[in-house]
Structures are given as C-alpha cells and as structure tokens.
All heavy atoms as atom14 arrays in JSON, in Angstrom:
{
  "sequence": "QLIQTLRDEEQQLTEDIQSAKNSINELESKLHFLK",
  "atom14_mask": [
    [1, 1, 1, 1, 1, 1, 1, 1, 1, 0, 0, 0, 0, 0],
    [1, 1, 1, 1, 1, 1, 1, 1, 0, 0, 0, 0, 0, 0],
    [1, 1, 1, 1, 1, 1, 1, 1, 0, 0, 0, 0, 0, 0],
    [1, 1, 1, 1, 1, 1, 1, 1, 1, 0, 0, 0, 0, 0],
    [1, 1, 1, 1, 1, 1, 1, 0, 0, 0, 0, 0, 0, 0],
    [1, 1, 1, 1, 1, 1, 1, 1, 0, 0, 0, 0, 0, 0],
    [1, 1, 1, 1, 1, 1, 1, 1, 1, 1, 1, 0, 0, 0],
    [1, 1, 1, 1, 1, 1, 1, 1, 0, 0, 0, 0, 0, 0],
    [1, 1, 1, 1, 1, 1, 1, 1, 1, 0, 0, 0, 0, 0],
    [1, 1, 1, 1, 1, 1, 1, 1, 1, 0, 0, 0, 0, 0],
    [1, 1, 1, 1, 1, 1, 1, 1, 1, 0, 0, 0, 0, 0],
    [1, 1, 1, 1, 1, 1, 1, 1, 1, 0, 0, 0, 0, 0],
    [1, 1, 1, 1, 1, 1, 1, 1, 0, 0, 0, 0, 0, 0],
    [1, 1, 1, 1, 1, 1, 1, 0, 0, 0, 0, 0, 0, 0],
    [1, 1, 1, 1, 1, 1, 1, 1, 1, 0, 0, 0, 0, 0],
    [1, 1, 1, 1, 1, 1, 1, 1, 0, 0, 0, 0, 0, 0],
    [1, 1, 1, 1, 1, 1, 1, 1, 0, 0, 0, 0, 0, 0],
    [1, 1, 1, 1, 1, 1, 1, 1, 1, 0, 0, 0, 0, 0],
    [1, 1, 1, 1, 1, 1, 0, 0, 0, 0, 0, 0, 0, 0],
    [1, 1, 1, 1, 1, 0, 0, 0, 0, 0, 0, 0, 0, 0],
    [1, 1, 1, 1, 1, 1, 1, 1, 1, 0, 0, 0, 0, 0],
    [1, 1, 1, 1, 1, 1, 1, 1, 0, 0, 0, 0, 0, 0],
    [1, 1, 1, 1, 1, 1, 0, 0, 0, 0, 0, 0, 0, 0],
    [1, 1, 1, 1, 1, 1, 1, 1, 0, 0, 0, 0, 0, 0],
    [1, 1, 1, 1, 1, 1, 1, 1, 0, 0, 0, 0, 0, 0],
    [1, 1, 1, 1, 1, 1, 1, 1, 1, 0, 0, 0, 0, 0],
    [1, 1, 1, 1, 1, 1, 1, 1, 0, 0, 0, 0, 0, 0],
    [1, 1, 1, 1, 1, 1, 1, 1, 1, 0, 0, 0, 0, 0],
    [1, 1, 1, 1, 1, 1, 0, 0, 0, 0, 0, 0, 0, 0],
    [1, 1, 1, 1, 1, 1, 1, 1, 1, 0, 0, 0, 0, 0],
    [1, 1, 1, 1, 1, 1, 1, 1, 0, 0, 0, 0, 0, 0],
    [1, 1, 1, 1, 1, 1, 1, 1, 1, 1, 0, 0, 0, 0],
    [1, 1, 1, 1, 1, 1, 1, 1, 1, 1, 1, 0, 0, 0],
    [1, 1, 1, 1, 1, 1, 1, 1, 0, 0, 0, 0, 0, 0],
    [1, 1, 1, 1, 1, 1, 1, 1, 1, 0, 0, 0, 0, 0]
  ],
  "atom14_positions": [
    [[108.12, 97.08, 116.88], [107.24, 97.92, 116.12], [107.78, 98.06, 114.69], [106.99, 97.8, 113.68], [107.04, 99.29, 116.72], [106.07, 99.31, 117.83], [105.92, 100.71, 118.41], [106.73, 101.58, 118.26], [104.78, 101.0, 119.01], [0.0, 0.0, 0.0], [0.0, 0.0, 0.0], [0.0, 0.0, 0.0], [0.0, 0.0, 0.0], [0.0, 0.0, 0.0]],
    [[109.11, 98.29, 114.52], [109.65, 98.39, 113.17], [109.57, 97.08, 112.36], [109.11, 97.18, 111.25], [111.14, 98.79, 113.35], [111.99, 98.98, 112.05], [111.31, 100.06, 111.1], [113.41, 99.25, 112.31], [0.0, 0.0, 0.0], [0.0, 0.0, 0.0], [0.0, 0.0, 0.0], [0.0, 0.0, 0.0], [0.0, 0.0, 0.0], [0.0, 0.0, 0.0]],
    [[109.83, 95.96, 113.11], [109.75, 94.76, 112.51], [108.3, 94.46, 111.98], [108.11, 93.98, 110.91], [110.21, 93.59, 113.35], [111.76, 93.7, 113.51], [109.96, 92.17, 112.88], [112.33, 92.8, 114.65], [0.0, 0.0, 0.0], [0.0, 0.0, 0.0], [0.0, 0.0, 0.0], [0.0, 0.0, 0.0], [0.0, 0.0, 0.0], [0.0, 0.0, 0.0]],
    [[107.4, 94.66, 112.85], [105.97, 94.47, 112.46], [105.54, 95.38, 111.27], [104.99, 94.9, 110.37], [105.0, 94.76, 113.73], [103.56, 94.44, 113.37], [103.41, 92.93, 112.92], [103.9, 92.03, 113.56], [102.72, 92.79, 111.95], [0.0, 0.0, 0.0], [0.0, 0.0, 0.0], [0.0, 0.0, 0.0], [0.0, 0.0, 0.0], [0.0, 0.0, 0.0]],
    [[105.96, 96.62, 111.2], [105.73, 97.52, 110.2], [106.4, 96.99, 108.84], [105.71, 97.04, 107.79], [106.21, 98.91, 110.45], [105.69, 99.48, 111.65], [105.99, 99.82, 109.27], [0.0, 0.0, 0.0], [0.0, 0.0, 0.0], [0.0, 0.0, 0.0], [0.0, 0.0, 0.0], [0.0, 0.0, 0.0], [0.0, 0.0, 0.0], [0.0, 0.0, 0.0]],
    [[107.62, 96.56, 108.99], [108.25, 95.96, 107.74], [107.54, 94.66, 107.3], [107.4, 94.44, 106.05], [109.68, 95.62, 108.07], [110.66, 96.87, 108.32], [112.03, 96.49, 108.72], [110.67, 97.69, 106.97], [0.0, 0.0, 0.0], [0.0, 0.0, 0.0], [0.0, 0.0, 0.0], [0.0, 0.0, 0.0], [0.0, 0.0, 0.0], [0.0, 0.0, 0.0]],
    [[107.03, 93.88, 108.26], [106.34, 92.69, 107.8], [104.94, 93.0, 107.19], [104.57, 92.35, 106.14], [106.02, 91.72, 109.03], [107.22, 90.97, 109.56], [106.87, 90.16, 110.74], [108.09, 89.43, 111.22], [108.15, 88.99, 112.34], [107.29, 89.04, 113.23], [109.32, 88.26, 112.69], [0.0, 0.0, 0.0], [0.0, 0.0, 0.0], [0.0, 0.0, 0.0]],
    [[104.36, 94.01, 107.7], [103.2, 94.51, 107.06], [103.4, 95.0, 105.61], [102.64, 94.75, 104.69], [102.39, 95.61, 107.83], [101.86, 95.12, 109.26], [101.78, 93.91, 109.44], [101.55, 95.9, 110.1], [0.0, 0.0, 0.0], [0.0, 0.0, 0.0], [0.0, 0.0, 0.0], [0.0, 0.0, 0.0], [0.0, 0.0, 0.0], [0.0, 0.0, 0.0]],
    [[104.43, 95.76, 105.53], [104.8, 96.35, 104.24], [105.25, 95.17, 103.2], [104.87, 95.15, 102.05], [106.01, 97.35, 104.42], [106.36, 98.08, 103.13], [107.55, 99.07, 103.39], [107.62, 99.52, 104.5], [108.2, 99.36, 102.37], [0.0, 0.0, 0.0], [0.0, 0.0, 0.0], [0.0, 0.0, 0.0], [0.0, 0.0, 0.0], [0.0, 0.0, 0.0]],
    [[105.89, 94.23, 103.78], [106.26, 93.12, 102.94], [104.95, 92.34, 102.42], [104.94, 91.88, 101.25], [107.12, 92.05, 103.73], [107.47, 90.76, 103.01], [108.17, 89.76, 103.81], [107.91, 89.87, 105.05], [108.96, 88.93, 103.26], [0.0, 0.0, 0.0], [0.0, 0.0, 0.0], [0.0, 0.0, 0.0], [0.0, 0.0, 0.0], [0.0, 0.0, 0.0]],
    [[104.0, 92.11, 103.39], [102.81, 91.46, 103.0], [102.07, 92.28, 101.79], [101.57, 91.71, 100.91], [101.87, 91.37, 104.22], [100.54, 90.7, 103.92], [100.72, 89.18, 103.59], [101.64, 88.59, 103.86], [99.87, 88.85, 102.69], [0.0, 0.0, 0.0], [0.0, 0.0, 0.0], [0.0, 0.0, 0.0], [0.0, 0.0, 0.0], [0.0, 0.0, 0.0]],
    [[101.98, 93.64, 102.0], [101.37, 94.47, 101.06], [102.1, 94.35, 99.81], [101.48, 94.12, 98.64], [101.35, 95.99, 101.5], [100.58, 96.84, 100.6], [99.16, 96.43, 100.38], [98.44, 96.11, 101.4], [98.7, 96.35, 99.22], [0.0, 0.0, 0.0], [0.0, 0.0, 0.0], [0.0, 0.0, 0.0], [0.0, 0.0, 0.0], [0.0, 0.0, 0.0]],
    [[103.39, 94.36, 99.74], [104.18, 94.29, 98.52], [104.0, 92.85, 97.84], [103.83, 92.81, 96.65], [105.66, 94.52, 98.75], [106.08, 95.97, 99.16], [107.53, 96.01, 99.54], [105.79, 96.9, 97.91], [0.0, 0.0, 0.0], [0.0, 0.0, 0.0], [0.0, 0.0, 0.0], [0.0, 0.0, 0.0], [0.0, 0.0, 0.0], [0.0, 0.0, 0.0]],
    [[103.94, 91.85, 98.64], [103.66, 90.49, 98.16], [102.37, 90.46, 97.44], [102.16, 89.87, 96.37], [103.84, 89.41, 99.29], [105.07, 89.56, 99.79], [103.57, 88.0, 98.76], [0.0, 0.0, 0.0], [0.0, 0.0, 0.0], [0.0, 0.0, 0.0], [0.0, 0.0, 0.0], [0.0, 0.0, 0.0], [0.0, 0.0, 0.0], [0.0, 0.0, 0.0]],
    [[101.36, 91.02, 98.05], [99.99, 91.04, 97.59], [100.02, 91.94, 96.21], [99.41, 91.55, 95.17], [99.03, 91.77, 98.47], [98.75, 90.76, 99.61], [97.85, 91.4, 100.67], [97.35, 92.63, 100.39], [97.63, 90.79, 101.8], [0.0, 0.0, 0.0], [0.0, 0.0, 0.0], [0.0, 0.0, 0.0], [0.0, 0.0, 0.0], [0.0, 0.0, 0.0]],
    [[100.71, 93.0, 96.13], [100.84, 93.8, 94.99], [101.51, 93.05, 93.85], [101.12, 93.15, 92.58], [101.53, 95.19, 95.25], [100.71, 96.17, 96.12], [99.57, 95.96, 96.41], [101.48, 97.07, 96.69], [0.0, 0.0, 0.0], [0.0, 0.0, 0.0], [0.0, 0.0, 0.0], [0.0, 0.0, 0.0], [0.0, 0.0, 0.0], [0.0, 0.0, 0.0]],
    [[102.52, 92.36, 94.2], [103.3, 91.57, 93.2], [102.43, 90.49, 92.6], [102.34, 90.21, 91.4], [104.56, 90.99, 93.79], [105.62, 92.06, 94.03], [105.26, 89.82, 92.89], [106.86, 91.57, 94.89], [0.0, 0.0, 0.0], [0.0, 0.0, 0.0], [0.0, 0.0, 0.0], [0.0, 0.0, 0.0], [0.0, 0.0, 0.0], [0.0, 0.0, 0.0]],
    [[101.66, 89.8, 93.49], [100.8, 88.8, 93.0], [99.63, 89.36, 92.21], [99.31, 88.82, 91.09], [100.1, 87.97, 94.19], [99.3, 86.74, 93.76], [100.21, 85.7, 93.07], [101.29, 85.52, 93.47], [99.63, 85.23, 91.94], [0.0, 0.0, 0.0], [0.0, 0.0, 0.0], [0.0, 0.0, 0.0], [0.0, 0.0, 0.0], [0.0, 0.0, 0.0]],
    [[99.16, 90.56, 92.47], [98.16, 91.26, 91.65], [98.68, 91.56, 90.28], [98.06, 91.4, 89.3], [97.76, 92.43, 92.43], [96.74, 93.13, 91.64], [0.0, 0.0, 0.0], [0.0, 0.0, 0.0], [0.0, 0.0, 0.0], [0.0, 0.0, 0.0], [0.0, 0.0, 0.0], [0.0, 0.0, 0.0], [0.0, 0.0, 0.0], [0.0, 0.0, 0.0]],
    [[99.97, 91.97, 90.32], [100.66, 92.38, 89.01], [100.92, 91.18, 88.26], [100.65, 91.24, 86.97], [101.95, 93.11, 89.31], [0.0, 0.0, 0.0], [0.0, 0.0, 0.0], [0.0, 0.0, 0.0], [0.0, 0.0, 0.0], [0.0, 0.0, 0.0], [0.0, 0.0, 0.0], [0.0, 0.0, 0.0], [0.0, 0.0, 0.0], [0.0, 0.0, 0.0]],
    [[101.24, 90.07, 88.79], [101.38, 88.8, 88.11], [100.13, 88.32, 87.4], [100.03, 87.97, 86.26], [102.02, 87.73, 88.91], [103.33, 87.82, 89.26], [103.89, 86.69, 90.14], [105.36, 86.78, 90.44], [105.78, 85.73, 91.32], [0.0, 0.0, 0.0], [0.0, 0.0, 0.0], [0.0, 0.0, 0.0], [0.0, 0.0, 0.0], [0.0, 0.0, 0.0]],
    [[99.02, 88.45, 88.25], [97.67, 88.13, 87.72], [97.35, 88.92, 86.53], [96.75, 88.55, 85.49], [96.58, 88.13, 88.78], [96.79, 87.06, 89.83], [97.39, 86.06, 89.64], [96.2, 87.36, 91.04], [0.0, 0.0, 0.0], [0.0, 0.0, 0.0], [0.0, 0.0, 0.0], [0.0, 0.0, 0.0], [0.0, 0.0, 0.0], [0.0, 0.0, 0.0]],
    [[97.58, 90.29, 86.62], [97.24, 91.22, 85.56], [98.07, 90.86, 84.32], [97.62, 90.84, 83.12], [97.54, 92.61, 85.96], [96.69, 93.07, 86.95], [0.0, 0.0, 0.0], [0.0, 0.0, 0.0], [0.0, 0.0, 0.0], [0.0, 0.0, 0.0], [0.0, 0.0, 0.0], [0.0, 0.0, 0.0], [0.0, 0.0, 0.0], [0.0, 0.0, 0.0]],
    [[99.39, 90.56, 84.46], [100.22, 90.15, 83.42], [99.69, 89.0, 82.72], [99.62, 88.92, 81.37], [101.67, 89.97, 83.87], [102.3, 91.29, 84.22], [102.57, 89.31, 82.78], [103.68, 91.29, 84.92], [0.0, 0.0, 0.0], [0.0, 0.0, 0.0], [0.0, 0.0, 0.0], [0.0, 0.0, 0.0], [0.0, 0.0, 0.0], [0.0, 0.0, 0.0]],
    [[99.34, 87.99, 83.48], [98.78, 86.68, 82.91], [97.49, 86.97, 82.1], [97.32, 86.44, 81.1], [98.54, 85.62, 83.95], [99.84, 85.03, 84.47], [100.85, 85.04, 83.85], [99.79, 84.56, 85.78], [0.0, 0.0, 0.0], [0.0, 0.0, 0.0], [0.0, 0.0, 0.0], [0.0, 0.0, 0.0], [0.0, 0.0, 0.0], [0.0, 0.0, 0.0]],
    [[96.7, 87.82, 82.74], [95.34, 88.14, 82.09], [95.7, 88.84, 80.7], [95.07, 88.55, 79.69], [94.52, 89.01, 82.99], [93.1, 89.22, 82.5], [92.31, 90.05, 83.45], [92.34, 89.67, 84.65], [91.69, 91.07, 83.05], [0.0, 0.0, 0.0], [0.0, 0.0, 0.0], [0.0, 0.0, 0.0], [0.0, 0.0, 0.0], [0.0, 0.0, 0.0]],
    [[96.6, 89.73, 80.8], [96.88, 90.63, 79.62], [97.53, 89.75, 78.43], [97.33, 89.87, 77.34], [97.86, 91.85, 79.94], [97.07, 92.92, 80.72], [98.17, 93.93, 81.19], [96.0, 93.64, 79.9], [0.0, 0.0, 0.0], [0.0, 0.0, 0.0], [0.0, 0.0, 0.0], [0.0, 0.0, 0.0], [0.0, 0.0, 0.0], [0.0, 0.0, 0.0]],
    [[98.45, 88.85, 78.92], [99.09, 87.95, 77.95], [98.1, 86.96, 77.33], [98.12, 86.73, 76.16], [100.18, 87.12, 78.66], [101.42, 87.82, 78.92], [102.54, 86.97, 79.65], [102.2, 85.85, 80.23], [103.71, 87.43, 79.62], [0.0, 0.0, 0.0], [0.0, 0.0, 0.0], [0.0, 0.0, 0.0], [0.0, 0.0, 0.0], [0.0, 0.0, 0.0]],
    [[97.06, 86.62, 78.2], [95.95, 85.78, 77.59], [95.24, 86.45, 76.49], [94.87, 86.05, 75.47], [95.11, 85.27, 78.77], [94.07, 84.5, 78.25], [0.0, 0.0, 0.0], [0.0, 0.0, 0.0], [0.0, 0.0, 0.0], [0.0, 0.0, 0.0], [0.0, 0.0, 0.0], [0.0, 0.0, 0.0], [0.0, 0.0, 0.0], [0.0, 0.0, 0.0]],
    [[94.83, 87.82, 76.93], [94.16, 88.68, 75.88], [94.98, 88.93, 74.59], [94.44, 88.95, 73.58], [93.78, 90.03, 76.59], [92.61, 89.79, 77.56], [92.25, 91.26, 78.08], [91.15, 91.18, 79.13], [90.75, 92.48, 79.66], [0.0, 0.0, 0.0], [0.0, 0.0, 0.0], [0.0, 0.0, 0.0], [0.0, 0.0, 0.0], [0.0, 0.0, 0.0]],
    [[96.23, 89.13, 74.85], [97.18, 89.38, 73.78], [97.23, 88.14, 72.81], [97.13, 88.3, 71.61], [98.55, 89.69, 74.16], [99.64, 90.06, 73.18], [99.22, 91.28, 72.38], [101.0, 90.26, 73.82], [0.0, 0.0, 0.0], [0.0, 0.0, 0.0], [0.0, 0.0, 0.0], [0.0, 0.0, 0.0], [0.0, 0.0, 0.0], [0.0, 0.0, 0.0]],
    [[97.29, 86.94, 73.38], [97.24, 85.67, 72.61], [96.02, 85.68, 71.83], [95.99, 85.27, 70.66], [97.38, 84.59, 73.63], [98.6, 83.79, 73.47], [99.57, 83.91, 72.43], [99.11, 82.73, 74.18], [100.51, 83.05, 72.62], [100.27, 82.26, 73.65], [0.0, 0.0, 0.0], [0.0, 0.0, 0.0], [0.0, 0.0, 0.0], [0.0, 0.0, 0.0]],
    [[94.87, 85.93, 72.5], [93.59, 85.82, 71.91], [93.49, 86.85, 70.74], [93.1, 86.57, 69.61], [92.46, 86.1, 72.88], [91.1, 86.24, 72.26], [90.41, 85.07, 71.86], [90.46, 87.52, 72.02], [89.17, 85.27, 71.24], [89.19, 87.61, 71.46], [88.61, 86.52, 71.02], [0.0, 0.0, 0.0], [0.0, 0.0, 0.0], [0.0, 0.0, 0.0]],
    [[94.01, 88.2, 70.97], [94.04, 89.19, 69.92], [94.89, 88.84, 68.74], [94.55, 89.06, 67.61], [94.37, 90.54, 70.57], [93.3, 91.06, 71.45], [93.82, 92.36, 72.18], [91.98, 91.49, 70.76], [0.0, 0.0, 0.0], [0.0, 0.0, 0.0], [0.0, 0.0, 0.0], [0.0, 0.0, 0.0], [0.0, 0.0, 0.0], [0.0, 0.0, 0.0]],
    [[96.03, 88.28, 69.06], [96.99, 87.88, 67.98], [96.33, 86.86, 67.07], [96.41, 86.87, 65.94], [98.32, 87.3, 68.57], [99.18, 88.38, 68.93], [100.59, 87.73, 69.46], [101.53, 88.8, 69.87], [102.82, 88.23, 70.29], [0.0, 0.0, 0.0], [0.0, 0.0, 0.0], [0.0, 0.0, 0.0], [0.0, 0.0, 0.0], [0.0, 0.0, 0.0]]
  ]
}
C-alpha cells in the first residue's frame, strides 16, 4: 500500500513538474514576444 501511495504521489509530482515546465515555456514565449 505504501509503495502504491508513493507511486501515485510520484505520478502526481511528475504531472505537476510537466505542467510547470509547460507554464515556463509559455511564459518565456510571451516574454520573448513582449521583449
């Protein structure tokens, strides 16, 4: 159960990291455009 919980948490963190990377890329693109 602990391993499954940790895997679920890892999956959620991976998704959060990917979402943050996408946001960073989008913001960098906007920053480039604004500059």
